[in-house]
Amino acid sequence: MPTTQAQTPKVNHALVIQSVTIGENKAALMPFPEEGLMKVKDVLMYIRVSKATWFDWVKRGIAPQPRKIGFNTFWDAQAVRQFIKGEVQ
Protein backbone atom coordinates (compact mmCIF):
# COMPACT_ATOMS: atom_id res chain seq x y z
CA MET A 1 0.00 0.00 0.00
CA PRO A 2 1.61 3.30 -1.06
CA THR A 3 2.12 5.88 1.63
CA THR A 4 0.83 9.35 1.00
CA GLN A 5 2.42 12.42 2.44
CA ALA A 6 0.12 15.15 3.74
CA GLN A 7 0.57 18.30 1.71
CA THR A 8 1.33 21.43 3.66
CA PRO A 9 -0.66 24.48 2.46
CA LYS A 10 1.39 27.22 0.86
CA VAL A 11 1.73 30.31 3.04
CA ASN A 12 3.04 33.79 2.52
CA HIS A 13 5.44 34.36 5.37
CA ALA A 14 5.42 38.11 4.71
CA LEU A 15 1.85 38.20 6.03
CA VAL A 16 2.57 36.59 9.41
CA ILE A 17 0.50 38.25 12.12
CA GLN A 18 2.41 39.60 15.10
CA SER A 19 1.79 38.09 18.51
CA VAL A 20 -1.00 39.79 20.44
CA THR A 21 -1.56 39.36 24.16
CA ILE A 22 -5.31 40.03 24.09
CA GLY A 23 -7.30 36.90 24.94
CA GLU A 24 -6.80 33.81 22.81
CA ASN A 25 -5.86 35.33 19.47
CA LYS A 26 -5.57 32.30 17.20
CA ALA A 27 -4.08 34.42 14.41
CA ALA A 28 -1.03 35.22 16.52
CA LEU A 29 2.00 34.05 14.58
CA MET A 30 -0.10 32.12 12.06
CA PRO A 31 0.92 32.73 8.45
CA PHE A 32 -1.77 33.86 6.04
CA PRO A 33 -2.69 31.10 3.55
CA GLU A 34 -1.50 31.73 -0.02
CA GLU A 35 -4.35 29.82 -1.62
CA GLY A 36 -7.53 27.96 -0.82
CA LEU A 37 -10.81 28.86 0.80
CA MET A 38 -11.40 30.49 4.17
CA LYS A 39 -14.46 30.45 6.41
CA VAL A 40 -15.61 33.71 7.99
CA LYS A 41 -14.02 32.82 11.35
CA ASP A 42 -10.67 32.41 9.57
CA VAL A 43 -11.03 35.71 7.71
CA LEU A 44 -11.88 37.55 10.93
CA MET A 45 -8.66 36.31 12.56
CA TYR A 46 -6.77 38.58 10.13
CA ILE A 47 -9.29 41.38 9.63
CA ARG A 48 -10.05 42.70 13.09
CA VAL A 49 -13.70 43.71 12.65
CA SER A 50 -16.93 42.19 13.90
CA LYS A 51 -18.75 39.53 11.91
CA ALA A 52 -21.61 41.99 11.33
CA THR A 53 -19.22 44.62 9.94
CA TRP A 54 -17.57 42.07 7.66
CA PHE A 55 -20.92 40.94 6.22
CA ASP A 56 -21.98 44.58 5.82
CA TRP A 57 -18.80 45.25 3.82
CA VAL A 58 -19.52 42.18 1.67
CA LYS A 59 -23.10 43.33 1.08
CA ARG A 60 -21.94 46.84 0.09
CA GLY A 61 -19.23 45.47 -2.21
CA ILE A 62 -16.33 46.73 -0.11
CA ALA A 63 -15.05 43.25 0.82
CA PRO A 64 -14.63 40.27 -1.54
CA GLN A 65 -17.72 38.28 -2.42
CA PRO A 66 -17.98 34.79 -0.93
CA ARG A 67 -18.59 31.43 -2.57
CA LYS A 68 -21.43 29.25 -1.34
CA ILE A 69 -20.76 25.52 -1.25
CA GLY A 70 -23.78 23.72 0.10
CA PHE A 71 -24.73 25.45 3.34
CA ASN A 72 -21.22 26.84 3.86
CA THR A 73 -19.80 30.22 2.87
CA PHE A 74 -16.14 30.60 1.89
CA TRP A 75 -13.84 33.40 0.74
CA ASP A 76 -10.94 32.94 -1.64
CA ALA A 77 -7.68 33.46 0.31
CA GLN A 78 -6.11 35.41 -2.57
CA ALA A 79 -9.07 37.80 -2.73
CA VAL A 80 -8.90 38.37 1.03
CA ARG A 81 -5.15 39.02 0.80
CA GLN A 82 -5.73 41.60 -1.95
CA PHE A 83 -8.40 43.22 0.22
CA ILE A 84 -6.02 43.42 3.19
CA LYS A 85 -3.28 44.93 1.01
CA GLY A 86 -5.75 47.47 -0.35
CA GLU A 87 -5.46 46.27 -3.94
CA VAL A 88 -8.43 46.84 -6.20
CA GLN A 89 -10.42 43.70 -6.99
C-alpha atoms as a PDB file:
ATOM      1  CA  MET A   1       0.000   0.000   0.000  1.00  0.00           C
ATOM      2  CA  PRO A   2       1.607   3.303  -1.058  1.00  0.00           C
ATOM      3  CA  THR A   3       2.119   5.881   1.630  1.00  0.00           C
ATOM      4  CA  THR A   4       0.831   9.355   1.003  1.00  0.00           C
ATOM      5  CA  GLN A   5       2.419  12.422   2.445  1.00  0.00           C
ATOM      6  CA  ALA A   6       0.118  15.152   3.739  1.00  0.00           C
ATOM      7  CA  GLN A   7       0.570  18.299   1.712  1.00  0.00           C
ATOM      8  CA  THR A   8       1.333  21.430   3.663  1.00  0.00           C
ATOM      9  CA  PRO A   9      -0.655  24.477   2.457  1.00  0.00           C
ATOM     10  CA  LYS A  10       1.389  27.224   0.856  1.00  0.00           C
ATOM     11  CA  VAL A  11       1.730  30.306   3.037  1.00  0.00           C
ATOM     12  CA  ASN A  12       3.041  33.792   2.515  1.00  0.00           C
ATOM     13  CA  HIS A  13       5.438  34.356   5.373  1.00  0.00           C
ATOM     14  CA  ALA A  14       5.422  38.112   4.708  1.00  0.00           C
ATOM     15  CA  LEU A  15       1.849  38.198   6.028  1.00  0.00           C
ATOM     16  CA  VAL A  16       2.568  36.589   9.406  1.00  0.00           C
ATOM     17  CA  ILE A  17       0.504  38.246  12.116  1.00  0.00           C
ATOM     18  CA  GLN A  18       2.415  39.602  15.098  1.00  0.00           C
ATOM     19  CA  SER A  19       1.789  38.090  18.508  1.00  0.00           C
ATOM     20  CA  VAL A  20      -0.999  39.793  20.445  1.00  0.00           C
ATOM     21  CA  THR A  21      -1.560  39.361  24.163  1.00  0.00           C
ATOM     22  CA  ILE A  22      -5.311  40.032  24.085  1.00  0.00           C
ATOM     23  CA  GLY A  23      -7.302  36.904  24.938  1.00  0.00           C
ATOM     24  CA  GLU A  24      -6.796  33.810  22.813  1.00  0.00           C
ATOM     25  CA  ASN A  25      -5.861  35.335  19.466  1.00  0.00           C
ATOM     26  CA  LYS A  26      -5.569  32.296  17.200  1.00  0.00           C
ATOM     27  CA  ALA A  27      -4.083  34.416  14.408  1.00  0.00           C
ATOM     28  CA  ALA A  28      -1.033  35.222  16.518  1.00  0.00           C
ATOM     29  CA  LEU A  29       1.996  34.053  14.582  1.00  0.00           C
ATOM     30  CA  MET A  30      -0.104  32.124  12.060  1.00  0.00           C
ATOM     31  CA  PRO A  31       0.920  32.730   8.448  1.00  0.00           C
ATOM     32  CA  PHE A  32      -1.765  33.864   6.044  1.00  0.00           C
ATOM     33  CA  PRO A  33      -2.693  31.103   3.551  1.00  0.00           C
ATOM     34  CA  GLU A  34      -1.502  31.727  -0.017  1.00  0.00           C
ATOM     35  CA  GLU A  35      -4.355  29.819  -1.621  1.00  0.00           C
ATOM     36  CA  GLY A  36      -7.532  27.962  -0.821  1.00  0.00           C
ATOM     37  CA  LEU A  37     -10.815  28.863   0.801  1.00  0.00           C
ATOM     38  CA  MET A  38     -11.400  30.494   4.170  1.00  0.00           C
ATOM     39  CA  LYS A  39     -14.463  30.452   6.407  1.00  0.00           C
ATOM     40  CA  VAL A  40     -15.607  33.710   7.994  1.00  0.00           C
ATOM     41  CA  LYS A  41     -14.023  32.818  11.353  1.00  0.00           C
ATOM     42  CA  ASP A  42     -10.672  32.408   9.571  1.00  0.00           C
ATOM     43  CA  VAL A  43     -11.034  35.706   7.709  1.00  0.00           C
ATOM     44  CA  LEU A  44     -11.882  37.549  10.929  1.00  0.00           C
ATOM     45  CA  MET A  45      -8.655  36.308  12.561  1.00  0.00           C
ATOM     46  CA  TYR A  46      -6.766  38.579  10.129  1.00  0.00           C
ATOM     47  CA  ILE A  47      -9.291  41.384   9.629  1.00  0.00           C
ATOM     48  CA  ARG A  48     -10.048  42.704  13.092  1.00  0.00           C
ATOM     49  CA  VAL A  49     -13.701  43.706  12.652  1.00  0.00           C
ATOM     50  CA  SER A  50     -16.930  42.186  13.902  1.00  0.00           C
ATOM     51  CA  LYS A  51     -18.754  39.535  11.910  1.00  0.00           C
ATOM     52  CA  ALA A  52     -21.615  41.992  11.335  1.00  0.00           C
ATOM     53  CA  THR A  53     -19.219  44.622   9.941  1.00  0.00           C
ATOM     54  CA  TRP A  54     -17.567  42.066   7.661  1.00  0.00           C
ATOM     55  CA  PHE A  55     -20.922  40.940   6.220  1.00  0.00           C
ATOM     56  CA  ASP A  56     -21.979  44.580   5.822  1.00  0.00           C
ATOM     57  CA  TRP A  57     -18.804  45.253   3.817  1.00  0.00           C
ATOM     58  CA  VAL A  58     -19.524  42.176   1.675  1.00  0.00           C
ATOM     59  CA  LYS A  59     -23.101  43.326   1.081  1.00  0.00           C
ATOM     60  CA  ARG A  60     -21.935  46.841   0.090  1.00  0.00           C
ATOM     61  CA  GLY A  61     -19.232  45.466  -2.214  1.00  0.00           C
ATOM     62  CA  ILE A  62     -16.325  46.731  -0.106  1.00  0.00           C
ATOM     63  CA  ALA A  63     -15.051  43.249   0.816  1.00  0.00           C
ATOM     64  CA  PRO A  64     -14.629  40.271  -1.538  1.00  0.00           C
ATOM     65  CA  GLN A  65     -17.722  38.284  -2.424  1.00  0.00           C
ATOM     66  CA  PRO A  66     -17.981  34.786  -0.935  1.00  0.00           C
ATOM     67  CA  ARG A  67     -18.591  31.433  -2.575  1.00  0.00           C
ATOM     68  CA  LYS A  68     -21.430  29.251  -1.338  1.00  0.00           C
ATOM     69  CA  ILE A  69     -20.759  25.520  -1.251  1.00  0.00           C
ATOM     70  CA  GLY A  70     -23.783  23.719   0.103  1.00  0.00           C
ATOM     71  CA  PHE A  71     -24.732  25.448   3.341  1.00  0.00           C
ATOM     72  CA  ASN A  72     -21.216  26.839   3.862  1.00  0.00           C
ATOM     73  CA  THR A  73     -19.796  30.220   2.872  1.00  0.00           C
ATOM     74  CA  PHE A  74     -16.144  30.604   1.892  1.00  0.00           C
ATOM     75  CA  TRP A  75     -13.836  33.398   0.741  1.00  0.00           C
ATOM     76  CA  ASP A  76     -10.940  32.937  -1.638  1.00  0.00           C
ATOM     77  CA  ALA A  77      -7.683  33.463   0.310  1.00  0.00           C
ATOM     78  CA  GLN A  78      -6.113  35.413  -2.565  1.00  0.00           C
ATOM     79  CA  ALA A  79      -9.074  37.802  -2.727  1.00  0.00           C
ATOM     80  CA  VAL A  80      -8.905  38.368   1.034  1.00  0.00           C
ATOM     81  CA  ARG A  81      -5.147  39.017   0.804  1.00  0.00           C
ATOM     82  CA  GLN A  82      -5.732  41.602  -1.945  1.00  0.00           C
ATOM     83  CA  PHE A  83      -8.400  43.220   0.220  1.00  0.00           C
ATOM     84  CA  ILE A  84      -6.019  43.418   3.185  1.00  0.00           C
ATOM     85  CA  LYS A  85      -3.277  44.929   1.014  1.00  0.00           C
ATOM     86  CA  GLY A  86      -5.751  47.474  -0.349  1.00  0.00           C
ATOM     87  CA  GLU A  87      -5.462  46.266  -3.937  1.00  0.00           C
ATOM     88  CA  VAL A  88      -8.433  46.840  -6.201  1.00  0.00           C
ATOM     89  CA  GLN A  89     -10.424  43.696  -6.988  1.00  0.00           C
END
